[in-house]
Amino acid sequence: MDRLILMRHGQAERHAATGGDFERSLTLRGREDAALMGQLVAQRGARPDLVLVSAARRTRETWASLSSIAPTSKVELRRDLYHAEPEDVVAALEDEGEGFGTVMVIGHNPGLHELALRLAVQGGTPPKTMNALRSRFPTSTITVFAFGDGGPPVLEHLLYAAEHGGTGAE
């Protein structure tokens, strides 16, 4: 894997009609923000070859909102990414990511935020960017990490929907 894209799902409704968290759907703003963020990441040349998506409804809908950026990518829905800890995300990457250049994970907080922080620390991210990343990881946030020849991950992009015309609500 040369590049890793971590994306928190778009803004979701507070309660699903069924009452279960797993079935919460995206709001209109959530779909719009996800589409916007897909375009931003594609403009930066980070189109995924493999997409690992939590099986929860809001993450599936997030991918559906931005899937046009990578119509030929392989997509795997994974129940184990639902509210996954950072170690679970890494395990999923190890299970599925071999042989793919750019891998995207669409999942949930706090696990994705924690993983992004760990990778950013390993890569020696500059203090200003590190402080921004520490302070928030709202819905539709994207981080893009590059992996060199055995070196530490480098945070290439930290993208917030609210800084690009979206809302990126918590």
Protein backbone atom coordinates (compact mmCIF):
# COMPACT_ATOMS: atom_id res chain seq x y z
CA MET A 1 0.00 0.00 0.00
CA ASP A 2 1.42 3.34 -1.09
CA ARG A 3 -1.33 5.58 0.21
CA LEU A 4 -4.07 5.34 2.85
CA ILE A 5 -7.21 7.46 2.87
CA LEU A 6 -9.18 7.52 6.12
CA MET A 7 -12.67 9.02 5.94
CA ARG A 8 -15.25 9.44 8.64
CA HIS A 9 -18.79 8.87 7.35
CA GLY A 10 -21.02 11.80 6.43
CA GLN A 11 -23.45 13.44 8.85
CA ALA A 12 -26.15 10.93 9.86
CA GLU A 13 -29.63 11.22 11.25
CA ARG A 14 -29.81 11.16 15.03
CA HIS A 15 -32.09 8.12 15.18
CA ALA A 16 -32.91 5.43 12.66
CA ALA A 17 -36.53 4.51 12.04
CA THR A 18 -35.68 1.09 13.48
CA GLY A 19 -34.09 2.72 16.52
CA GLY A 20 -30.73 1.03 15.96
CA ASP A 21 -27.45 2.90 15.52
CA PHE A 22 -26.28 0.52 12.77
CA GLU A 23 -29.15 1.58 10.49
CA ARG A 24 -28.79 5.36 10.83
CA SER A 25 -28.95 6.97 7.39
CA LEU A 26 -27.09 9.99 6.06
CA THR A 27 -28.81 13.35 6.08
CA LEU A 28 -28.96 15.40 2.88
CA ARG A 29 -26.01 17.45 4.16
CA GLY A 30 -24.15 14.24 4.89
CA ARG A 31 -24.59 13.04 1.30
CA GLU A 32 -23.58 16.44 -0.08
CA ASP A 33 -20.48 16.65 2.12
CA ALA A 34 -19.43 13.10 1.20
CA ALA A 35 -19.73 13.89 -2.52
CA LEU A 36 -17.78 17.13 -2.04
CA MET A 37 -15.01 15.37 -0.16
CA GLY A 38 -14.80 12.67 -2.81
CA GLN A 39 -14.20 15.34 -5.43
CA LEU A 40 -11.55 17.03 -3.27
CA VAL A 41 -9.61 13.83 -2.69
CA ALA A 42 -9.83 12.91 -6.38
CA GLN A 43 -8.53 16.36 -7.37
CA ARG A 44 -5.52 15.64 -5.18
CA GLY A 45 -4.84 12.42 -7.07
CA ALA A 46 -5.86 10.04 -4.31
CA ARG A 47 -8.35 7.78 -6.05
CA PRO A 48 -8.66 4.47 -4.19
CA ASP A 49 -7.98 1.07 -5.73
CA LEU A 50 -9.56 -0.66 -2.73
CA VAL A 51 -12.26 0.70 -0.43
CA LEU A 52 -12.97 -0.91 2.94
CA VAL A 53 -16.36 0.23 4.19
CA SER A 54 -17.95 -0.38 7.54
CA ALA A 55 -21.16 -2.33 6.97
CA ALA A 56 -23.23 0.32 8.80
CA ARG A 57 -25.79 2.10 6.65
CA ARG A 58 -24.25 5.59 7.02
CA THR A 59 -20.84 4.39 5.83
CA ARG A 60 -22.32 2.49 2.89
CA GLU A 61 -24.25 5.63 1.93
CA THR A 62 -21.09 7.72 2.29
CA TRP A 63 -19.33 5.48 -0.23
CA ALA A 64 -22.35 5.61 -2.54
CA SER A 65 -22.18 9.42 -2.46
CA LEU A 66 -18.57 9.54 -3.63
CA SER A 67 -18.11 6.25 -5.50
CA SER A 68 -18.05 8.01 -8.87
CA ILE A 69 -14.45 9.08 -8.14
CA ALA A 70 -13.28 5.47 -8.41
CA PRO A 71 -15.85 3.40 -10.30
CA THR A 72 -13.48 0.47 -10.85
CA SER A 73 -12.16 0.17 -7.30
CA LYS A 74 -12.71 -3.03 -5.36
CA VAL A 75 -15.14 -2.48 -2.47
CA GLU A 76 -15.36 -4.64 0.64
CA LEU A 77 -18.12 -4.18 3.23
CA ARG A 78 -16.81 -5.18 6.63
CA ARG A 79 -18.86 -5.60 9.77
CA ASP A 80 -15.66 -5.52 11.85
CA LEU A 81 -15.12 -1.86 10.87
CA TYR A 82 -18.33 -0.80 12.65
CA HIS A 83 -17.02 1.29 15.58
CA ALA A 84 -13.62 -0.37 15.12
CA GLU A 85 -10.64 0.41 17.31
CA PRO A 86 -7.47 1.55 15.49
CA GLU A 87 -6.01 -1.96 15.80
CA ASP A 88 -9.10 -3.42 14.10
CA VAL A 89 -8.71 -1.01 11.18
CA VAL A 90 -5.05 -1.97 10.85
CA ALA A 91 -6.02 -5.66 10.91
CA ALA A 92 -8.56 -5.07 8.12
CA LEU A 93 -5.88 -3.29 6.09
CA GLU A 94 -3.52 -6.22 6.61
CA ASP A 95 -6.28 -8.68 5.60
CA GLU A 96 -7.31 -6.88 2.42
CA GLY A 97 -4.76 -4.22 1.45
CA GLU A 98 -1.89 -6.23 -0.01
CA GLY A 99 -1.33 -5.54 -3.69
CA PHE A 100 -3.31 -2.30 -3.78
CA GLY A 101 -1.69 1.10 -4.28
CA THR A 102 -4.27 3.36 -2.64
CA VAL A 103 -6.61 2.02 0.01
CA MET A 104 -9.53 3.95 1.50
CA VAL A 105 -11.28 3.15 4.77
CA ILE A 106 -14.70 4.64 5.48
CA GLY A 107 -15.57 4.24 9.12
CA HIS A 108 -16.37 5.78 12.47
CA ASN A 109 -14.99 7.79 15.36
CA PRO A 110 -13.26 7.47 17.67
CA GLY A 111 -11.27 4.68 15.98
CA LEU A 112 -10.48 6.50 12.74
CA HIS A 113 -9.51 9.68 14.54
CA GLU A 114 -7.22 7.75 16.88
CA LEU A 115 -5.59 5.92 13.96
CA ALA A 116 -5.08 9.17 12.06
CA LEU A 117 -3.43 10.69 15.13
CA ARG A 118 -1.12 7.70 15.59
CA LEU A 119 -0.04 7.78 11.96
CA ALA A 120 0.46 11.55 12.03
CA VAL A 121 2.66 11.28 15.13
CA GLN A 122 4.73 8.50 13.54
CA GLY A 123 5.25 10.65 10.46
CA GLY A 124 6.37 13.75 12.35
CA THR A 125 3.47 15.92 11.20
CA PRO A 126 4.16 19.64 11.74
CA PRO A 127 2.73 21.09 14.99
CA LYS A 128 0.12 23.36 13.38
CA THR A 129 -1.37 20.49 11.37
CA MET A 130 -1.06 18.13 14.34
CA ASN A 131 -2.99 20.57 16.54
CA ALA A 132 -5.75 20.84 13.94
CA LEU A 133 -6.00 17.07 13.68
CA ARG A 134 -6.00 16.63 17.47
CA SER A 135 -8.77 19.18 17.96
CA ARG A 136 -11.40 17.64 15.68
CA PHE A 137 -12.36 14.91 13.24
CA PRO A 138 -15.95 15.80 12.29
CA THR A 139 -18.11 13.92 9.81
CA SER A 140 -16.76 13.67 6.26
CA THR A 141 -13.19 14.45 7.36
CA ILE A 142 -10.49 12.88 5.21
CA THR A 143 -6.83 12.25 5.93
CA VAL A 144 -4.46 10.99 3.26
CA PHE A 145 -1.21 9.31 4.29
CA ALA A 146 1.63 8.35 1.96
CA PHE A 147 3.86 5.39 2.77
CA GLY A 148 7.40 5.46 1.39
CA ASP A 149 9.96 2.71 1.17
CA GLY A 150 9.65 1.48 4.74
CA GLY A 151 9.65 5.01 6.12
CA PRO A 152 7.04 6.52 8.42
CA PRO A 153 3.63 7.55 7.06
CA VAL A 154 3.45 11.13 5.83
CA LEU A 155 0.23 13.10 6.24
CA GLU A 156 -0.32 14.53 2.75
CA HIS A 157 -3.79 15.97 3.26
CA LEU A 158 -6.12 16.82 6.13
CA LEU A 159 -9.44 17.81 4.59
CA TYR A 160 -12.41 19.20 6.48
CA ALA A 161 -15.74 19.62 4.68
CA ALA A 162 -16.43 22.93 6.46
CA GLU A 163 -13.23 24.42 4.98
CA HIS A 164 -14.36 23.60 1.45
CA GLY A 165 -17.99 24.76 1.39
CA GLY A 166 -19.56 21.82 3.25
CA THR A 167 -20.72 21.53 6.83
CA GLY A 168 -18.78 18.66 8.40
CA ALA A 169 -21.00 18.49 11.46
CA GLU A 170 -20.20 16.32 14.47
